[in-house]
Amino acid sequence: MIDLTKINESNCGKLFDPSTLAKNSTEADIIQGAKMAVKYNTMSYVVASPYYLPLICPILEGTDVLPCACIAFPFGNTNSAAKAFETELGVKLGAKAFDLVMNIGALQDGKFDVVKQELDDFVKAAQGNVTKVIMDIEFLTDQQIADGTKLIVEAGCDYAKTSTGQYVGPTVEQFLVMAEVCKGTKTKTKVAGVKHPRPQNAWVFLAAGADLIGTRAAEPMILALPTMRKIGIVPPYKG
């Protein structure tokens, strides 16, 4: 859990994974997003597929921002071999982090072996780079959220992630189910699909224990820190 008393304007960028994911994103949009990620020294910069990695890797080279590609985005209902191949391609193209979309249809059908296989194959294909797994928990029951998160933890993935950001987004209560399973493990939590008003709600999820926020609106969230601190959503800075 992030100690928000140690977060200030100079280091809060590491709480965010900015992304450019829209289907109609142009190269100019992708480049603008990468430059913004560098400006705020975010954790990574996320693009919709490995296709965009040759565009962003030169911009991120020499910085502390990880090039990150989504895998099987946004639906996740491709087979494990295809996901592994896409991940291996991403490694070759310079990705240092990946956000894979889980096959939640298989999870809902109780086919845990299918989900386990794709997660094991994903971790192997990522070759030691950062692994994040998206569930879109807004479609799941609390038990399914817990079951899916447990599979993510058991596979040794670095992050369990709430959502693709393409749908309604998670509630805090749903996030807490996911976070409880991750507690005491090496698997951290990432929240995406934060609902409006985004700056306030993003910081509420961080206060609730999220380790990372994935968003298309990182800049206003980062710039909102002084206001969030002033109104008490974020505790006073203690250094």
C-alpha atoms as a PDB file:
ATOM      1  CA  MET A   1       0.000   0.000   0.000  1.00  0.00           C
ATOM      2  CA  ILE A   2       1.332   3.432  -0.971  1.00  0.00           C
ATOM      3  CA  ASP A   3       2.141   5.782   1.914  1.00  0.00           C
ATOM      4  CA  LEU A   4       0.507   8.959   0.614  1.00  0.00           C
ATOM      5  CA  THR A   5       2.222  11.059   3.296  1.00  0.00           C
ATOM      6  CA  LYS A   6       5.432  10.558   1.295  1.00  0.00           C
ATOM      7  CA  ILE A   7       3.907  11.549  -2.053  1.00  0.00           C
ATOM      8  CA  ASN A   8       4.460  15.038  -3.437  1.00  0.00           C
ATOM      9  CA  GLU A   9       4.431  16.821  -6.786  1.00  0.00           C
ATOM     10  CA  SER A  10       7.907  15.543  -7.685  1.00  0.00           C
ATOM     11  CA  ASN A  11       7.261  11.823  -7.196  1.00  0.00           C
ATOM     12  CA  CYS A  12       3.516  11.322  -7.695  1.00  0.00           C
ATOM     13  CA  GLY A  13       3.971  10.519 -11.385  1.00  0.00           C
ATOM     14  CA  LYS A  14       5.048   6.998 -10.415  1.00  0.00           C
ATOM     15  CA  LEU A  15       1.511   6.329  -9.202  1.00  0.00           C
ATOM     16  CA  PHE A  16       0.195   6.581 -12.767  1.00  0.00           C
ATOM     17  CA  ASP A  17       0.233   4.554 -15.970  1.00  0.00           C
ATOM     18  CA  PRO A  18      -0.936   6.996 -18.662  1.00  0.00           C
ATOM     19  CA  SER A  19      -2.290   5.402 -21.804  1.00  0.00           C
ATOM     20  CA  THR A  20      -3.415   6.152 -25.341  1.00  0.00           C
ATOM     21  CA  LEU A  21      -5.798   3.357 -26.274  1.00  0.00           C
ATOM     22  CA  ALA A  22      -8.609   4.700 -28.441  1.00  0.00           C
ATOM     23  CA  LYS A  23      -9.165   2.901 -31.721  1.00  0.00           C
ATOM     24  CA  ASN A  24      -8.885   6.159 -33.649  1.00  0.00           C
ATOM     25  CA  SER A  25      -5.592   7.237 -32.016  1.00  0.00           C
ATOM     26  CA  THR A  26      -3.155   8.729 -34.505  1.00  0.00           C
ATOM     27  CA  GLU A  27       0.632   8.629 -34.341  1.00  0.00           C
ATOM     28  CA  ALA A  28       0.522  12.251 -33.191  1.00  0.00           C
ATOM     29  CA  ASP A  29      -1.741  11.222 -30.276  1.00  0.00           C
ATOM     30  CA  ILE A  30       0.625   8.391 -29.310  1.00  0.00           C
ATOM     31  CA  ILE A  31       3.682  10.645 -29.436  1.00  0.00           C
ATOM     32  CA  GLN A  32       1.983  13.384 -27.410  1.00  0.00           C
ATOM     33  CA  GLY A  33       1.073  10.844 -24.731  1.00  0.00           C
ATOM     34  CA  ALA A  34       4.622   9.492 -24.569  1.00  0.00           C
ATOM     35  CA  LYS A  35       6.045  12.983 -24.120  1.00  0.00           C
ATOM     36  CA  MET A  36       3.551  13.671 -21.332  1.00  0.00           C
ATOM     37  CA  ALA A  37       4.615  10.439 -19.588  1.00  0.00           C
ATOM     38  CA  VAL A  38       8.241  11.579 -19.734  1.00  0.00           C
ATOM     39  CA  LYS A  39       7.312  15.039 -18.441  1.00  0.00           C
ATOM     40  CA  TYR A  40       5.737  13.610 -15.294  1.00  0.00           C
ATOM     41  CA  ASN A  41       8.062  10.577 -14.955  1.00  0.00           C
ATOM     42  CA  THR A  42       5.183   8.122 -14.782  1.00  0.00           C
ATOM     43  CA  MET A  43       5.524   4.407 -14.086  1.00  0.00           C
ATOM     44  CA  SER A  44       4.987   3.406 -17.702  1.00  0.00           C
ATOM     45  CA  TYR A  45       3.283   4.552 -20.875  1.00  0.00           C
ATOM     46  CA  VAL A  46       0.661   2.143 -22.190  1.00  0.00           C
ATOM     47  CA  VAL A  47      -0.316   1.633 -25.823  1.00  0.00           C
ATOM     48  CA  ALA A  48      -3.016  -0.646 -27.188  1.00  0.00           C
ATOM     49  CA  SER A  49      -0.703  -3.204 -28.803  1.00  0.00           C
ATOM     50  CA  PRO A  50       2.945  -3.920 -29.663  1.00  0.00           C
ATOM     51  CA  TYR A  51       2.327  -2.203 -33.008  1.00  0.00           C
ATOM     52  CA  TYR A  52       3.052   1.176 -31.401  1.00  0.00           C
ATOM     53  CA  LEU A  53       6.247   0.199 -29.573  1.00  0.00           C
ATOM     54  CA  PRO A  54       8.646   1.322 -32.339  1.00  0.00           C
ATOM     55  CA  LEU A  55       6.988   4.733 -32.101  1.00  0.00           C
ATOM     56  CA  ILE A  56       7.262   5.185 -28.344  1.00  0.00           C
ATOM     57  CA  CYS A  57      10.468   3.356 -27.397  1.00  0.00           C
ATOM     58  CA  PRO A  58      12.790   6.041 -28.860  1.00  0.00           C
ATOM     59  CA  ILE A  59      10.899   8.725 -26.915  1.00  0.00           C
ATOM     60  CA  LEU A  60      11.117   6.777 -23.639  1.00  0.00           C
ATOM     61  CA  GLU A  61      14.716   5.641 -24.123  1.00  0.00           C
ATOM     62  CA  GLY A  62      17.002   6.942 -21.393  1.00  0.00           C
ATOM     63  CA  THR A  63      14.075   7.785 -19.103  1.00  0.00           C
ATOM     64  CA  ASP A  64      12.590   5.982 -16.118  1.00  0.00           C
ATOM     65  CA  VAL A  65       9.274   5.384 -17.942  1.00  0.00           C
ATOM     66  CA  LEU A  66       8.583   1.812 -19.069  1.00  0.00           C
ATOM     67  CA  PRO A  67       7.252   1.197 -22.599  1.00  0.00           C
ATOM     68  CA  CYS A  68       4.119  -0.906 -22.051  1.00  0.00           C
ATOM     69  CA  ALA A  69       1.927  -2.758 -24.558  1.00  0.00           C
ATOM     70  CA  CYS A  70      -1.521  -4.220 -24.037  1.00  0.00           C
ATOM     71  CA  ILE A  71      -2.051  -7.837 -25.058  1.00  0.00           C
ATOM     72  CA  ALA A  72      -5.344  -9.127 -26.538  1.00  0.00           C
ATOM     73  CA  PHE A  73      -6.848  -5.698 -25.908  1.00  0.00           C
ATOM     74  CA  PRO A  74      -9.646  -4.978 -25.156  1.00  0.00           C
ATOM     75  CA  PHE A  75     -11.608  -8.271 -25.118  1.00  0.00           C
ATOM     76  CA  GLY A  76      -9.061 -10.874 -24.035  1.00  0.00           C
ATOM     77  CA  ASN A  77     -10.893 -13.772 -25.645  1.00  0.00           C
ATOM     78  CA  THR A  78      -8.099 -15.004 -27.886  1.00  0.00           C
ATOM     79  CA  ASN A  79      -6.324 -18.239 -27.118  1.00  0.00           C
ATOM     80  CA  SER A  80      -3.264 -18.531 -24.919  1.00  0.00           C
ATOM     81  CA  ALA A  81      -0.841 -19.205 -27.781  1.00  0.00           C
ATOM     82  CA  ALA A  82      -1.873 -15.991 -29.542  1.00  0.00           C
ATOM     83  CA  LYS A  83      -1.444 -13.992 -26.347  1.00  0.00           C
ATOM     84  CA  ALA A  84       1.995 -15.498 -25.734  1.00  0.00           C
ATOM     85  CA  PHE A  85       3.077 -14.750 -29.309  1.00  0.00           C
ATOM     86  CA  GLU A  86       1.916 -11.137 -29.041  1.00  0.00           C
ATOM     87  CA  THR A  87       3.817 -10.802 -25.747  1.00  0.00           C
ATOM     88  CA  GLU A  88       7.003 -12.271 -27.235  1.00  0.00           C
ATOM     89  CA  LEU A  89       6.690  -9.845 -30.138  1.00  0.00           C
ATOM     90  CA  GLY A  90       6.366  -7.008 -27.650  1.00  0.00           C
ATOM     91  CA  VAL A  91       9.580  -8.050 -25.928  1.00  0.00           C
ATOM     92  CA  LYS A  92      11.406  -8.056 -29.268  1.00  0.00           C
ATOM     93  CA  LEU A  93      10.062  -4.559 -30.002  1.00  0.00           C
ATOM     94  CA  GLY A  94      11.268  -3.144 -26.702  1.00  0.00           C
ATOM     95  CA  ALA A  95       8.401  -3.414 -24.232  1.00  0.00           C
ATOM     96  CA  LYS A  96       9.375  -3.479 -20.562  1.00  0.00           C
ATOM     97  CA  ALA A  97       5.834  -4.005 -19.277  1.00  0.00           C
ATOM     98  CA  PHE A  98       2.602  -5.619 -20.484  1.00  0.00           C
ATOM     99  CA  ASP A  99      -1.108  -5.345 -19.668  1.00  0.00           C
ATOM    100  CA  LEU A 100      -2.785  -8.612 -20.697  1.00  0.00           C
ATOM    101  CA  VAL A 101      -6.568  -8.899 -20.833  1.00  0.00           C
ATOM    102  CA  MET A 102      -7.803 -12.037 -19.089  1.00  0.00           C
ATOM    103  CA  ASN A 103     -10.373 -14.275 -20.762  1.00  0.00           C
ATOM    104  CA  ILE A 104     -13.083 -13.499 -18.219  1.00  0.00           C
ATOM    105  CA  GLY A 105     -15.614 -15.523 -20.185  1.00  0.00           C
ATOM    106  CA  ALA A 106     -13.563 -18.606 -19.320  1.00  0.00           C
ATOM    107  CA  LEU A 107     -13.350 -17.408 -15.721  1.00  0.00           C
ATOM    108  CA  GLN A 108     -17.128 -16.972 -15.526  1.00  0.00           C
ATOM    109  CA  ASP A 109     -17.582 -20.465 -16.981  1.00  0.00           C
ATOM    110  CA  GLY A 110     -15.391 -21.900 -14.245  1.00  0.00           C
ATOM    111  CA  LYS A 111     -12.663 -22.917 -16.685  1.00  0.00           C
ATOM    112  CA  PHE A 112      -9.870 -22.001 -14.304  1.00  0.00           C
ATOM    113  CA  ASP A 113      -7.466 -24.294 -16.157  1.00  0.00           C
ATOM    114  CA  VAL A 114      -7.831 -22.131 -19.282  1.00  0.00           C
ATOM    115  CA  VAL A 115      -7.124 -18.953 -17.333  1.00  0.00           C
ATOM    116  CA  LYS A 116      -4.222 -20.543 -15.455  1.00  0.00           C
ATOM    117  CA  GLN A 117      -2.641 -21.690 -18.720  1.00  0.00           C
ATOM    118  CA  GLU A 118      -2.843 -18.271 -20.338  1.00  0.00           C
ATOM    119  CA  LEU A 119      -1.386 -16.578 -17.273  1.00  0.00           C
ATOM    120  CA  ASP A 120       1.486 -19.066 -16.994  1.00  0.00           C
ATOM    121  CA  ASP A 121       2.215 -18.673 -20.716  1.00  0.00           C
ATOM    122  CA  PHE A 122       2.038 -14.880 -20.371  1.00  0.00           C
ATOM    123  CA  VAL A 123       4.553 -14.730 -17.522  1.00  0.00           C
ATOM    124  CA  LYS A 124       6.943 -16.982 -19.437  1.00  0.00           C
ATOM    125  CA  ALA A 125       6.578 -14.971 -22.658  1.00  0.00           C
ATOM    126  CA  ALA A 126       7.166 -11.674 -20.820  1.00  0.00           C
ATOM    127  CA  GLN A 127      10.694 -12.859 -19.985  1.00  0.00           C
ATOM    128  CA  GLY A 128      11.016 -11.064 -16.662  1.00  0.00           C
ATOM    129  CA  ASN A 129       9.364  -7.815 -17.727  1.00  0.00           C
ATOM    130  CA  VAL A 130       6.507  -6.331 -15.705  1.00  0.00           C
ATOM    131  CA  THR A 131       3.268  -8.324 -16.003  1.00  0.00           C
ATOM    132  CA  LYS A 132      -0.175  -6.833 -15.363  1.00  0.00           C
ATOM    133  CA  VAL A 133      -3.454  -8.698 -15.871  1.00  0.00           C
ATOM    134  CA  ILE A 134      -6.767  -6.956 -16.600  1.00  0.00           C
ATOM    135  CA  MET A 135     -10.058  -8.539 -15.510  1.00  0.00           C
ATOM    136  CA  ASP A 136     -12.775  -5.898 -16.124  1.00  0.00           C
ATOM    137  CA  ILE A 137     -14.164  -6.656 -12.673  1.00  0.00           C
ATOM    138  CA  GLU A 138     -17.257  -4.551 -13.340  1.00  0.00           C
ATOM    139  CA  PHE A 139     -18.652  -7.614 -15.184  1.00  0.00           C
ATOM    140  CA  LEU A 140     -17.847 -10.054 -12.368  1.00  0.00           C
ATOM    141  CA  THR A 141     -19.362 -11.145  -9.079  1.00  0.00           C
ATOM    142  CA  ASP A 142     -17.299 -10.663  -5.955  1.00  0.00           C
ATOM    143  CA  GLN A 143     -16.512 -14.386  -5.927  1.00  0.00           C
ATOM    144  CA  GLN A 144     -15.359 -14.267  -9.552  1.00  0.00           C
ATOM    145  CA  ILE A 145     -13.196 -11.230  -8.784  1.00  0.00           C
ATOM    146  CA  ALA A 146     -11.606 -13.142  -5.907  1.00  0.00           C
ATOM    147  CA  ASP A 147     -11.131 -16.292  -8.008  1.00  0.00           C
ATOM    148  CA  GLY A 148      -9.571 -14.383 -10.919  1.00  0.00           C
ATOM    149  CA  THR A 149      -7.270 -12.421  -8.636  1.00  0.00           C
ATOM    150  CA  LYS A 150      -6.145 -15.614  -6.912  1.00  0.00           C
ATOM    151  CA  LEU A 151      -5.150 -17.062 -10.300  1.00  0.00           C
ATOM    152  CA  ILE A 152      -3.179 -13.882 -11.072  1.00  0.00           C
ATOM    153  CA  VAL A 153      -1.366 -14.101  -7.744  1.00  0.00           C
ATOM    154  CA  GLU A 154      -0.632 -17.814  -8.152  1.00  0.00           C
ATOM    155  CA  ALA A 155       0.841 -17.181 -11.621  1.00  0.00           C
ATOM    156  CA  GLY A 156       3.294 -14.715 -10.077  1.00  0.00           C
ATOM    157  CA  CYS A 157       2.072 -11.697 -12.033  1.00  0.00           C
ATOM    158  CA  ASP A 158       3.222  -8.283 -10.841  1.00  0.00           C
ATOM    159  CA  TYR A 159      -0.165  -6.538 -10.912  1.00  0.00           C
ATOM    160  CA  ALA A 160      -3.851  -7.398 -10.853  1.00  0.00           C
ATOM    161  CA  LYS A 161      -5.695  -4.700 -12.765  1.00  0.00           C
ATOM    162  CA  THR A 162      -9.364  -3.836 -12.502  1.00  0.00           C
ATOM    163  CA  SER A 163     -10.366  -2.828 -16.002  1.00  0.00           C
ATOM    164  CA  THR A 164      -9.534  -2.054 -19.613  1.00  0.00           C
ATOM    165  CA  GLY A 165     -11.104   1.388 -19.210  1.00  0.00           C
ATOM    166  CA  GLN A 166     -13.441   0.663 -22.105  1.00  0.00           C
ATOM    167  CA  TYR A 167     -16.525   0.023 -19.994  1.00  0.00           C
ATOM    168  CA  VAL A 168     -18.259   1.383 -16.894  1.00  0.00           C
ATOM    169  CA  GLY A 169     -15.285   0.985 -14.531  1.00  0.00           C
ATOM    170  CA  PRO A 170     -14.960  -0.542 -11.065  1.00  0.00           C
ATOM    171  CA  THR A 171     -16.461   0.524  -7.782  1.00  0.00           C
ATOM    172  CA  VAL A 172     -14.281   0.952  -4.712  1.00  0.00           C
ATOM    173  CA  GLU A 173     -16.066  -2.045  -3.187  1.00  0.00           C
ATOM    174  CA  GLN A 174     -15.124  -4.236  -6.162  1.00  0.00           C
ATOM    175  CA  PHE A 175     -11.542  -3.020  -6.014  1.00  0.00           C
ATOM    176  CA  LEU A 176     -11.335  -3.912  -2.323  1.00  0.00           C
ATOM    177  CA  VAL A 177     -12.269  -7.525  -3.112  1.00  0.00           C
ATOM    178  CA  MET A 178      -9.340  -7.683  -5.536  1.00  0.00           C
ATOM    179  CA  ALA A 179      -7.009  -5.891  -3.133  1.00  0.00           C
ATOM    180  CA  GLU A 180      -7.807  -8.256  -0.264  1.00  0.00           C
ATOM    181  CA  VAL A 181      -6.620 -11.249  -2.294  1.00  0.00           C
ATOM    182  CA  CYS A 182      -3.398  -9.433  -3.217  1.00  0.00           C
ATOM    183  CA  LYS A 183      -2.652  -8.441   0.378  1.00  0.00           C
ATOM    184  CA  GLY A 184       0.559 -10.001   1.648  1.00  0.00           C
ATOM    185  CA  THR A 185       1.609 -11.254  -1.800  1.00  0.00           C
ATOM    186  CA  LYS A 186       4.062  -9.897  -4.382  1.00  0.00           C
ATOM    187  CA  THR A 187       1.130  -8.953  -6.644  1.00  0.00           C
ATOM    188  CA  LYS A 188       0.219  -5.263  -6.531  1.00  0.00           C
ATOM    189  CA  THR A 189      -2.994  -3.590  -7.671  1.00  0.00           C
ATOM    190  CA  LYS A 190      -3.740  -1.306 -10.590  1.00  0.00           C
ATOM    191  CA  VAL A 191      -7.030   0.530 -11.036  1.00  0.00           C
ATOM    192  CA  ALA A 192      -8.227   1.635 -14.458  1.00  0.00           C
ATOM    193  CA  GLY A 193     -11.588   2.809 -15.722  1.00  0.00           C
ATOM    194  CA  VAL A 194     -11.828   5.470 -13.007  1.00  0.00           C
ATOM    195  CA  LYS A 195     -15.209   7.161 -13.242  1.00  0.00           C
ATOM    196  CA  HIS A 196     -15.899  10.899 -13.310  1.00  0.00           C
ATOM    197  CA  PRO A 197     -14.981  13.074 -11.534  1.00  0.00           C
ATOM    198  CA  ARG A 198     -11.669  11.471 -12.398  1.00  0.00           C
ATOM    199  CA  PRO A 199      -9.114  13.427 -10.340  1.00  0.00           C
ATOM    200  CA  GLN A 200     -11.020  12.988  -7.102  1.00  0.00           C
ATOM    201  CA  ASN A 201     -11.917   9.348  -7.709  1.00  0.00           C
ATOM    202  CA  ALA A 202      -8.378   8.417  -8.763  1.00  0.00           C
ATOM    203  CA  TRP A 203      -6.979   9.699  -5.479  1.00  0.00           C
ATOM    204  CA  VAL A 204      -9.756   7.937  -3.561  1.00  0.00           C
ATOM    205  CA  PHE A 205      -8.669   4.626  -5.101  1.00  0.00           C
ATOM    206  CA  LEU A 206      -5.066   5.386  -4.104  1.00  0.00           C
ATOM    207  CA  ALA A 207      -6.232   6.199  -0.588  1.00  0.00           C
ATOM    208  CA  ALA A 208      -8.113   2.880  -0.609  1.00  0.00           C
ATOM    209  CA  GLY A 209      -4.879   1.021  -1.295  1.00  0.00           C
ATOM    210  CA  ALA A 210      -4.350   0.989  -5.057  1.00  0.00           C
ATOM    211  CA  ASP A 211      -0.680   0.893  -6.063  1.00  0.00           C
ATOM    212  CA  LEU A 212      -1.133   2.276  -9.569  1.00  0.00           C
ATOM    213  CA  ILE A 213      -3.748   4.147 -11.611  1.00  0.00           C
ATOM    214  CA  GLY A 214      -4.123   3.477 -15.321  1.00  0.00           C
ATOM    215  CA  THR A 215      -5.775   6.331 -17.170  1.00  0.00           C
ATOM    216  CA  ARG A 216      -6.117   8.409 -20.311  1.00  0.00           C
ATOM    217  CA  ALA A 217      -6.305  11.493 -18.068  1.00  0.00           C
ATOM    218  CA  ALA A 218      -3.102  11.255 -16.024  1.00  0.00           C
ATOM    219  CA  GLU A 219      -2.093  14.902 -16.269  1.00  0.00           C
ATOM    220  CA  PRO A 220      -5.167  16.405 -14.554  1.00  0.00           C
ATOM    221  CA  MET A 221      -5.009  13.674 -11.907  1.00  0.00           C
ATOM    222  CA  ILE A 222      -1.370  14.497 -11.156  1.00  0.00           C
ATOM    223  CA  LEU A 223      -2.013  18.237 -11.126  1.00  0.00           C
ATOM    224  CA  ALA A 224      -4.935  17.729  -8.728  1.00  0.00           C
ATOM    225  CA  LEU A 225      -2.673  16.538  -5.886  1.00  0.00           C
ATOM    226  CA  PRO A 226      -2.483  19.915  -4.052  1.00  0.00           C
ATOM    227  CA  THR A 227      -6.268  20.254  -4.128  1.00  0.00           C
ATOM    228  CA  MET A 228      -6.776  16.646  -2.998  1.00  0.00           C
ATOM    229  CA  ARG A 229      -4.409  17.311  -0.098  1.00  0.00           C
ATOM    230  CA  LYS A 230      -6.144  20.586   0.761  1.00  0.00           C
ATOM    231  CA  ILE A 231      -9.579  18.965   1.016  1.00  0.00           C
ATOM    232  CA  GLY A 232      -8.342  15.910   2.934  1.00  0.00           C
ATOM    233  CA  ILE A 233      -8.583  13.103   0.382  1.00  0.00           C
ATOM    234  CA  VAL A 234      -4.781  12.870   0.517  1.00  0.00           C
ATOM    235  CA  PRO A 235      -3.118  13.179   3.942  1.00  0.00           C
ATOM    236  CA  PRO A 236      -0.580  15.926   4.705  1.00  0.00           C
ATOM    237  CA  TYR A 237       2.925  15.472   3.276  1.00  0.00           C
ATOM    238  CA  LYS A 238       5.465  14.297   5.860  1.00  0.00           C
ATOM    239  CA  GLY A 239       8.446  13.558   3.618  1.00  0.00           C
END
